[in-house]
Amino acid sequence: MPRTRDRILTNLESIYREAYDRARAAKDEHRMADLDAAFQREQLLLEVLLDIRDAVSARPAEAPASGPDPIAALRTVSKIIKR
């Protein structure tokens, strides 16, 4: 069974929180800003990937639910990566 969305996002936040706290303790404001931007970028990418996972793993017998469009999600990831 795949990990839940909340668990994955909590793990991501925990990793960045530890690095951010170390940078704050070292009074490295540049590193803190970099970590903040990186966290936001990684969180967005991860949420898009989780949306794709959810869309792909949906049972084919079910009627399509109004939810994330996997093609649009892939386009978003592509745009983010190209930056």
PDB file of N, CA and C in Angstrom:
ATOM      1  N   MET A   1       0.847  -1.176   0.000  1.00  0.00           N
ATOM      2  CA  MET A   1       0.000   0.000   0.000  1.00  0.00           C
ATOM      3  C   MET A   1       0.892   1.239   0.000  1.00  0.00           C
ATOM      4  N   PRO A   2       0.605   2.189  -0.881  1.00  0.00           N
ATOM      5  CA  PRO A   2       1.443   3.395  -0.937  1.00  0.00           C
ATOM      6  C   PRO A   2       1.273   4.263   0.312  1.00  0.00           C
ATOM      7  N   ARG A   3       2.306   5.012   0.576  1.00  0.00           N
ATOM      8  CA  ARG A   3       2.252   5.923   1.725  1.00  0.00           C
ATOM      9  C   ARG A   3       1.217   7.019   1.473  1.00  0.00           C
ATOM     10  N   THR A   4       0.631   7.520   2.540  1.00  0.00           N
ATOM     11  CA  THR A   4      -0.383   8.563   2.399  1.00  0.00           C
ATOM     12  C   THR A   4       0.262   9.887   2.023  1.00  0.00           C
ATOM     13  N   ARG A   5      -0.520  10.721   1.404  1.00  0.00           N
ATOM     14  CA  ARG A   5      -0.081  12.054   1.009  1.00  0.00           C
ATOM     15  C   ARG A   5       0.420  12.835   2.221  1.00  0.00           C
ATOM     16  N   ASP A   6      -0.321  12.770   3.316  1.00  0.00           N
ATOM     17  CA  ASP A   6       0.084  13.512   4.525  1.00  0.00           C
ATOM     18  C   ASP A   6       1.422  13.031   5.067  1.00  0.00           C
ATOM     19  N   ARG A   7       1.624  11.727   5.062  1.00  0.00           N
ATOM     20  CA  ARG A   7       2.889  11.183   5.574  1.00  0.00           C
ATOM     21  C   ARG A   7       4.060  11.647   4.714  1.00  0.00           C
ATOM     22  N   ILE A   8       3.895  11.608   3.413  1.00  0.00           N
ATOM     23  CA  ILE A   8       4.961  12.017   2.505  1.00  0.00           C
ATOM     24  C   ILE A   8       5.285  13.501   2.690  1.00  0.00           C
ATOM     25  N   LEU A   9       4.263  14.331   2.735  1.00  0.00           N
ATOM     26  CA  LEU A   9       4.491  15.770   2.882  1.00  0.00           C
ATOM     27  C   LEU A   9       5.061  16.111   4.258  1.00  0.00           C
ATOM     28  N   THR A  10       4.660  15.364   5.273  1.00  0.00           N
ATOM     29  CA  THR A  10       5.216  15.568   6.612  1.00  0.00           C
ATOM     30  C   THR A  10       6.696  15.218   6.640  1.00  0.00           C
ATOM     31  N   ASN A  11       7.069  14.135   5.970  1.00  0.00           N
ATOM     32  CA  ASN A  11       8.485  13.759   5.894  1.00  0.00           C
ATOM     33  C   ASN A  11       9.296  14.831   5.172  1.00  0.00           C
ATOM     34  N   LEU A  12       8.772  15.349   4.085  1.00  0.00           N
ATOM     35  CA  LEU A  12       9.463  16.409   3.351  1.00  0.00           C
ATOM     36  C   LEU A  12       9.666  17.626   4.249  1.00  0.00           C
ATOM     37  N   GLU A  13       8.609  18.024   4.944  1.00  0.00           N
ATOM     38  CA  GLU A  13       8.709  19.182   5.833  1.00  0.00           C
ATOM     39  C   GLU A  13       9.720  18.943   6.945  1.00  0.00           C
ATOM     40  N   SER A  14       9.749  17.751   7.492  1.00  0.00           N
ATOM     41  CA  SER A  14      10.682  17.420   8.564  1.00  0.00           C
ATOM     42  C   SER A  14      12.132  17.560   8.101  1.00  0.00           C
ATOM     43  N   ILE A  15      12.413  17.061   6.919  1.00  0.00           N
ATOM     44  CA  ILE A  15      13.772  17.149   6.372  1.00  0.00           C
ATOM     45  C   ILE A  15      14.197  18.604   6.206  1.00  0.00           C
ATOM     46  N   TYR A  16      13.327  19.391   5.593  1.00  0.00           N
ATOM     47  CA  TYR A  16      13.668  20.794   5.389  1.00  0.00           C
ATOM     48  C   TYR A  16      13.701  21.573   6.696  1.00  0.00           C
ATOM     49  N   ARG A  17      12.829  21.235   7.650  1.00  0.00           N
ATOM     50  CA  ARG A  17      12.793  21.930   8.941  1.00  0.00           C
ATOM     51  C   ARG A  17      14.123  21.739   9.676  1.00  0.00           C
ATOM     52  N   GLU A  18      14.670  20.521   9.656  1.00  0.00           N
ATOM     53  CA  GLU A  18      15.946  20.263  10.320  1.00  0.00           C
ATOM     54  C   GLU A  18      17.070  21.094   9.691  1.00  0.00           C
ATOM     55  N   ALA A  19      17.113  21.127   8.369  1.00  0.00           N
ATOM     56  CA  ALA A  19      18.150  21.906   7.675  1.00  0.00           C
ATOM     57  C   ALA A  19      17.953  23.400   7.933  1.00  0.00           C
ATOM     58  N   TYR A  20      16.709  23.841   7.957  1.00  0.00           N
ATOM     59  CA  TYR A  20      16.412  25.260   8.191  1.00  0.00           C
ATOM     60  C   TYR A  20      16.828  25.652   9.613  1.00  0.00           C
ATOM     61  N   ASP A  21      16.536  24.801  10.568  1.00  0.00           N
ATOM     62  CA  ASP A  21      16.920  25.084  11.957  1.00  0.00           C
ATOM     63  C   ASP A  21      18.435  25.171  12.114  1.00  0.00           C
ATOM     64  N   ARG A  22      19.167  24.292  11.408  1.00  0.00           N
ATOM     65  CA  ARG A  22      20.635  24.370  11.449  1.00  0.00           C
ATOM     66  C   ARG A  22      21.130  25.683  10.848  1.00  0.00           C
ATOM     67  N   ALA A  23      20.535  26.101   9.749  1.00  0.00           N
ATOM     68  CA  ALA A  23      20.927  27.358   9.111  1.00  0.00           C
ATOM     69  C   ALA A  23      20.593  28.540  10.016  1.00  0.00           C
ATOM     70  N   ARG A  24      19.460  28.478  10.693  1.00  0.00           N
ATOM     71  CA  ARG A  24      19.077  29.563  11.606  1.00  0.00           C
ATOM     72  C   ARG A  24      20.042  29.623  12.784  1.00  0.00           C
ATOM     73  N   ALA A  25      20.423  28.461  13.312  1.00  0.00           N
ATOM     74  CA  ALA A  25      21.376  28.421  14.430  1.00  0.00           C
ATOM     75  C   ALA A  25      22.730  28.999  14.011  1.00  0.00           C
ATOM     76  N   ALA A  26      23.092  28.807  12.750  1.00  0.00           N
ATOM     77  CA  ALA A  26      24.356  29.339  12.235  1.00  0.00           C
ATOM     78  C   ALA A  26      24.203  30.788  11.761  1.00  0.00           C
ATOM     79  N   LYS A  27      22.977  31.319  11.858  1.00  0.00           N
ATOM     80  CA  LYS A  27      22.668  32.691  11.416  1.00  0.00           C
ATOM     81  C   LYS A  27      23.017  32.893   9.940  1.00  0.00           C
ATOM     82  N   ASP A  28      22.735  31.865   9.145  1.00  0.00           N
ATOM     83  CA  ASP A  28      22.998  31.895   7.711  1.00  0.00           C
ATOM     84  C   ASP A  28      21.693  32.225   6.982  1.00  0.00           C
ATOM     85  N   GLU A  29      21.418  33.526   6.848  1.00  0.00           N
ATOM     86  CA  GLU A  29      20.157  33.957   6.256  1.00  0.00           C
ATOM     87  C   GLU A  29      20.048  33.578   4.783  1.00  0.00           C
ATOM     88  N   HIS A  30      21.160  33.581   4.087  1.00  0.00           N
ATOM     89  CA  HIS A  30      21.141  33.187   2.674  1.00  0.00           C
ATOM     90  C   HIS A  30      20.705  31.733   2.544  1.00  0.00           C
ATOM     91  N   ARG A  31      21.257  30.868   3.361  1.00  0.00           N
ATOM     92  CA  ARG A  31      20.890  29.444   3.337  1.00  0.00           C
ATOM     93  C   ARG A  31      19.438  29.258   3.738  1.00  0.00           C
ATOM     94  N   MET A  32      18.963  30.037   4.708  1.00  0.00           N
ATOM     95  CA  MET A  32      17.571  29.946   5.130  1.00  0.00           C
ATOM     96  C   MET A  32      16.635  30.292   3.972  1.00  0.00           C
ATOM     97  N   ALA A  33      16.966  31.344   3.236  1.00  0.00           N
ATOM     98  CA  ALA A  33      16.151  31.750   2.086  1.00  0.00           C
ATOM     99  C   ALA A  33      16.184  30.677   1.002  1.00  0.00           C
ATOM    100  N   ASP A  34      17.365  30.119   0.750  1.00  0.00           N
ATOM    101  CA  ASP A  34      17.487  29.053  -0.247  1.00  0.00           C
ATOM    102  C   ASP A  34      16.654  27.832   0.140  1.00  0.00           C
ATOM    103  N   LEU A  35      16.720  27.465   1.398  1.00  0.00           N
ATOM    104  CA  LEU A  35      15.953  26.312   1.872  1.00  0.00           C
ATOM    105  C   LEU A  35      14.457  26.560   1.784  1.00  0.00           C
ATOM    106  N   ASP A  36      14.027  27.767   2.100  1.00  0.00           N
ATOM    107  CA  ASP A  36      12.611  28.098   2.017  1.00  0.00           C
ATOM    108  C   ASP A  36      12.114  27.975   0.578  1.00  0.00           C
ATOM    109  N   ALA A  37      12.867  28.521  -0.367  1.00  0.00           N
ATOM    110  CA  ALA A  37      12.480  28.436  -1.776  1.00  0.00           C
ATOM    111  C   ALA A  37      12.510  26.988  -2.263  1.00  0.00           C
ATOM    112  N   ALA A  38      13.527  26.254  -1.867  1.00  0.00           N
ATOM    113  CA  ALA A  38      13.645  24.852  -2.285  1.00  0.00           C
ATOM    114  C   ALA A  38      12.491  24.023  -1.733  1.00  0.00           C
ATOM    115  N   PHE A  39      12.124  24.282  -0.492  1.00  0.00           N
ATOM    116  CA  PHE A  39      11.019  23.545   0.113  1.00  0.00           C
ATOM    117  C   PHE A  39       9.726  23.787  -0.655  1.00  0.00           C
ATOM    118  N   GLN A  40       9.448  25.045  -0.973  1.00  0.00           N
ATOM    119  CA  GLN A  40       8.222  25.360  -1.701  1.00  0.00           C
ATOM    120  C   GLN A  40       8.208  24.690  -3.074  1.00  0.00           C
ATOM    121  N   ARG A  41       9.348  24.720  -3.757  1.00  0.00           N
ATOM    122  CA  ARG A  41       9.451  24.094  -5.080  1.00  0.00           C
ATOM    123  C   ARG A  41       9.253  22.577  -4.971  1.00  0.00           C
ATOM    124  N   GLU A  42       9.944  21.948  -4.016  1.00  0.00           N
ATOM    125  CA  GLU A  42       9.830  20.498  -3.839  1.00  0.00           C
ATOM    126  C   GLU A  42       8.417  20.090  -3.423  1.00  0.00           C
ATOM    127  N   GLN A  43       7.803  20.893  -2.587  1.00  0.00           N
ATOM    128  CA  GLN A  43       6.447  20.586  -2.145  1.00  0.00           C
ATOM    129  C   GLN A  43       5.483  20.621  -3.329  1.00  0.00           C
ATOM    130  N   LEU A  44       5.617  21.630  -4.178  1.00  0.00           N
ATOM    131  CA  LEU A  44       4.755  21.736  -5.354  1.00  0.00           C
ATOM    132  C   LEU A  44       4.961  20.548  -6.288  1.00  0.00           C
ATOM    133  N   LEU A  45       6.213  20.222  -6.571  1.00  0.00           N
ATOM    134  CA  LEU A  45       6.499  19.084  -7.446  1.00  0.00           C
ATOM    135  C   LEU A  45       5.963  17.782  -6.858  1.00  0.00           C
ATOM    136  N   LEU A  46       6.148  17.601  -5.580  1.00  0.00           N
ATOM    137  CA  LEU A  46       5.686  16.380  -4.927  1.00  0.00           C
ATOM    138  C   LEU A  46       4.165  16.277  -4.963  1.00  0.00           C
ATOM    139  N   GLU A  47       3.481  17.388  -4.745  1.00  0.00           N
ATOM    140  CA  GLU A  47       2.027  17.365  -4.788  1.00  0.00           C
ATOM    141  C   GLU A  47       1.531  17.029  -6.191  1.00  0.00           C
ATOM    142  N   VAL A  48       2.201  17.544  -7.214  1.00  0.00           N
ATOM    143  CA  VAL A  48       1.825  17.212  -8.584  1.00  0.00           C
ATOM    144  C   VAL A  48       2.037  15.723  -8.842  1.00  0.00           C
ATOM    145  N   LEU A  49       3.175  15.205  -8.398  1.00  0.00           N
ATOM    146  CA  LEU A  49       3.435  13.772  -8.580  1.00  0.00           C
ATOM    147  C   LEU A  49       2.426  12.909  -7.823  1.00  0.00           C
ATOM    148  N   LEU A  50       2.043  13.350  -6.642  1.00  0.00           N
ATOM    149  CA  LEU A  50       1.036  12.607  -5.883  1.00  0.00           C
ATOM    150  C   LEU A  50      -0.322  12.654  -6.580  1.00  0.00           C
ATOM    151  N   ASP A  51      -0.645  13.804  -7.189  1.00  0.00           N
ATOM    152  CA  ASP A  51      -1.887  13.901  -7.967  1.00  0.00           C
ATOM    153  C   ASP A  51      -1.856  12.922  -9.136  1.00  0.00           C
ATOM    154  N   ILE A  52      -0.702  12.824  -9.792  1.00  0.00           N
ATOM    155  CA  ILE A  52      -0.571  11.877 -10.904  1.00  0.00           C
ATOM    156  C   ILE A  52      -0.727  10.456 -10.395  1.00  0.00           C
ATOM    157  N   ARG A  53      -0.061  10.148  -9.268  1.00  0.00           N
ATOM    158  CA  ARG A  53      -0.183   8.810  -8.684  1.00  0.00           C
ATOM    159  C   ARG A  53      -1.638   8.479  -8.389  1.00  0.00           C
ATOM    160  N   ASP A  54      -2.345   9.437  -7.796  1.00  0.00           N
ATOM    161  CA  ASP A  54      -3.746   9.205  -7.451  1.00  0.00           C
ATOM    162  C   ASP A  54      -4.597   8.992  -8.702  1.00  0.00           C
ATOM    163  N   ALA A  55      -4.327   9.757  -9.748  1.00  0.00           N
ATOM    164  CA  ALA A  55      -5.104   9.647 -10.981  1.00  0.00           C
ATOM    165  C   ALA A  55      -4.836   8.318 -11.686  1.00  0.00           C
ATOM    166  N   VAL A  56      -3.588   7.901 -11.700  1.00  0.00           N
ATOM    167  CA  VAL A  56      -3.222   6.656 -12.381  1.00  0.00           C
ATOM    168  C   VAL A  56      -3.723   5.441 -11.615  1.00  0.00           C
ATOM    169  N   SER A  57      -3.723   5.525 -10.302  1.00  0.00           N
ATOM    170  CA  SER A  57      -4.118   4.372  -9.493  1.00  0.00           C
ATOM    171  C   SER A  57      -5.624   4.249  -9.308  1.00  0.00           C
ATOM    172  N   ALA A  58      -6.379   5.186  -9.868  1.00  0.00           N
ATOM    173  CA  ALA A  58      -7.839   5.113  -9.743  1.00  0.00           C
ATOM    174  C   ALA A  58      -8.344   3.869 -10.471  1.00  0.00           C
ATOM    175  N   ARG A  59      -9.321   3.255  -9.909  1.00  0.00           N
ATOM    176  CA  ARG A  59      -9.883   2.038 -10.513  1.00  0.00           C
ATOM    177  C   ARG A  59     -10.585   2.386 -11.820  1.00  0.00           C
ATOM    178  N   PRO A  60     -10.334   1.638 -12.888  1.00  0.00           N
ATOM    179  CA  PRO A  60     -10.953   1.941 -14.164  1.00  0.00           C
ATOM    180  C   PRO A  60     -12.471   1.738 -14.165  1.00  0.00           C
ATOM    181  N   ALA A  61     -12.999   0.884 -13.283  1.00  0.00           N
ATOM    182  CA  ALA A  61     -14.436   0.630 -13.245  1.00  0.00           C
ATOM    183  C   ALA A  61     -15.212   1.811 -12.678  1.00  0.00           C
ATOM    184  N   GLU A  62     -14.529   2.672 -11.958  1.00  0.00           N
ATOM    185  CA  GLU A  62     -15.202   3.821 -11.358  1.00  0.00           C
ATOM    186  C   GLU A  62     -15.406   4.906 -12.402  1.00  0.00           C
ATOM    187  N   ALA A  63     -16.463   5.646 -12.223  1.00  0.00           N
ATOM    188  CA  ALA A  63     -16.691   6.798 -13.095  1.00  0.00           C
ATOM    189  C   ALA A  63     -15.616   7.832 -12.787  1.00  0.00           C
ATOM    190  N   PRO A  64     -15.123   8.499 -13.803  1.00  0.00           N
ATOM    191  CA  PRO A  64     -14.079   9.499 -13.547  1.00  0.00           C
ATOM    192  C   PRO A  64     -14.583  10.580 -12.595  1.00  0.00           C
ATOM    193  N   ALA A  65     -13.866  10.762 -11.538  1.00  0.00           N
ATOM    194  CA  ALA A  65     -14.224  11.786 -10.550  1.00  0.00           C
ATOM    195  C   ALA A  65     -13.633  13.115 -10.984  1.00  0.00           C
ATOM    196  N   SER A  66     -14.279  14.169 -10.567  1.00  0.00           N
ATOM    197  CA  SER A  66     -13.690  15.468 -10.878  1.00  0.00           C
ATOM    198  C   SER A  66     -12.492  15.634  -9.964  1.00  0.00           C
ATOM    199  N   GLY A  67     -11.345  15.611 -10.543  1.00  0.00           N
ATOM    200  CA  GLY A  67     -10.115  15.681  -9.770  1.00  0.00           C
ATOM    201  C   GLY A  67      -8.994  16.180 -10.640  1.00  0.00           C
ATOM    202  N   PRO A  68      -7.783  15.934 -10.207  1.00  0.00           N
ATOM    203  CA  PRO A  68      -6.635  16.444 -10.946  1.00  0.00           C
ATOM    204  C   PRO A  68      -6.526  15.809 -12.331  1.00  0.00           C
ATOM    205  N   ASP A  69      -6.210  16.618 -13.308  1.00  0.00           N
ATOM    206  CA  ASP A  69      -5.998  16.155 -14.671  1.00  0.00           C
ATOM    207  C   ASP A  69      -4.539  15.743 -14.810  1.00  0.00           C
ATOM    208  N   PRO A  70      -4.263  14.453 -15.048  1.00  0.00           N
ATOM    209  CA  PRO A  70      -2.867  14.002 -15.071  1.00  0.00           C
ATOM    210  C   PRO A  70      -2.047  14.665 -16.181  1.00  0.00           C
ATOM    211  N   ILE A  71      -2.655  14.945 -17.315  1.00  0.00           N
ATOM    212  CA  ILE A  71      -1.922  15.595 -18.411  1.00  0.00           C
ATOM    213  C   ILE A  71      -1.538  17.018 -18.001  1.00  0.00           C
ATOM    214  N   ALA A  72      -2.458  17.726 -17.391  1.00  0.00           N
ATOM    215  CA  ALA A  72      -2.155  19.083 -16.924  1.00  0.00           C
ATOM    216  C   ALA A  72      -1.076  19.051 -15.849  1.00  0.00           C
ATOM    217  N   ALA A  73      -1.111  18.032 -14.989  1.00  0.00           N
ATOM    218  CA  ALA A  73      -0.092  17.903 -13.952  1.00  0.00           C
ATOM    219  C   ALA A  73       1.282  17.680 -14.569  1.00  0.00           C
ATOM    220  N   LEU A  74       1.356  16.835 -15.591  1.00  0.00           N
ATOM    221  CA  LEU A  74       2.636  16.603 -16.262  1.00  0.00           C
ATOM    222  C   LEU A  74       3.157  17.875 -16.932  1.00  0.00           C
ATOM    223  N   ARG A  75       2.265  18.637 -17.512  1.00  0.00           N
ATOM    224  CA  ARG A  75       2.680  19.910 -18.129  1.00  0.00           C
ATOM    225  C   ARG A  75       3.227  20.865 -17.071  1.00  0.00           C
ATOM    226  N   THR A  76       2.593  20.898 -15.917  1.00  0.00           N
ATOM    227  CA  THR A  76       3.057  21.752 -14.822  1.00  0.00           C
ATOM    228  C   THR A  76       4.449  21.339 -14.374  1.00  0.00           C
ATOM    229  N   VAL A  77       4.660  20.045 -14.204  1.00  0.00           N
ATOM    230  CA  VAL A  77       5.980  19.551 -13.804  1.00  0.00           C
ATOM    231  C   VAL A  77       7.011  19.936 -14.847  1.00  0.00           C
ATOM    232  N   SER A  78       6.663  19.783 -16.106  1.00  0.00           N
ATOM    233  CA  SER A  78       7.580  20.123 -17.193  1.00  0.00           C
ATOM    234  C   SER A  78       7.964  21.596 -17.148  1.00  0.00           C
ATOM    235  N   LYS A  79       6.993  22.462 -16.907  1.00  0.00           N
ATOM    236  CA  LYS A  79       7.265  23.906 -16.835  1.00  0.00           C
ATOM    237  C   LYS A  79       8.174  24.238 -15.651  1.00  0.00           C
ATOM    238  N   ILE A  80       7.925  23.603 -14.516  1.00  0.00           N
ATOM    239  CA  ILE A  80       8.704  23.867 -13.309  1.00  0.00           C
ATOM    240  C   ILE A  80      10.152  23.414 -13.505  1.00  0.00           C
ATOM    241  N   ILE A  81      10.323  22.257 -14.107  1.00  0.00           N
ATOM    242  CA  ILE A  81      11.667  21.712 -14.302  1.00  0.00           C
ATOM    243  C   ILE A  81      12.471  22.568 -15.267  1.00  0.00           C
ATOM    244  N   LYS A  82      11.819  23.150 -16.271  1.00  0.00           N
ATOM    245  CA  LYS A  82      12.509  23.954 -17.273  1.00  0.00           C
ATOM    246  C   LYS A  82      12.996  25.297 -16.739  1.00  0.00           C
ATOM    247  N   ARG A  83      12.503  25.705 -15.575  1.00  0.00           N
ATOM    248  CA  ARG A  83      12.900  27.012 -15.019  1.00  0.00           C
ATOM    249  C   ARG A  83      14.319  27.057 -14.638  1.00  0.00           C
TER     250      ARG A  83
END
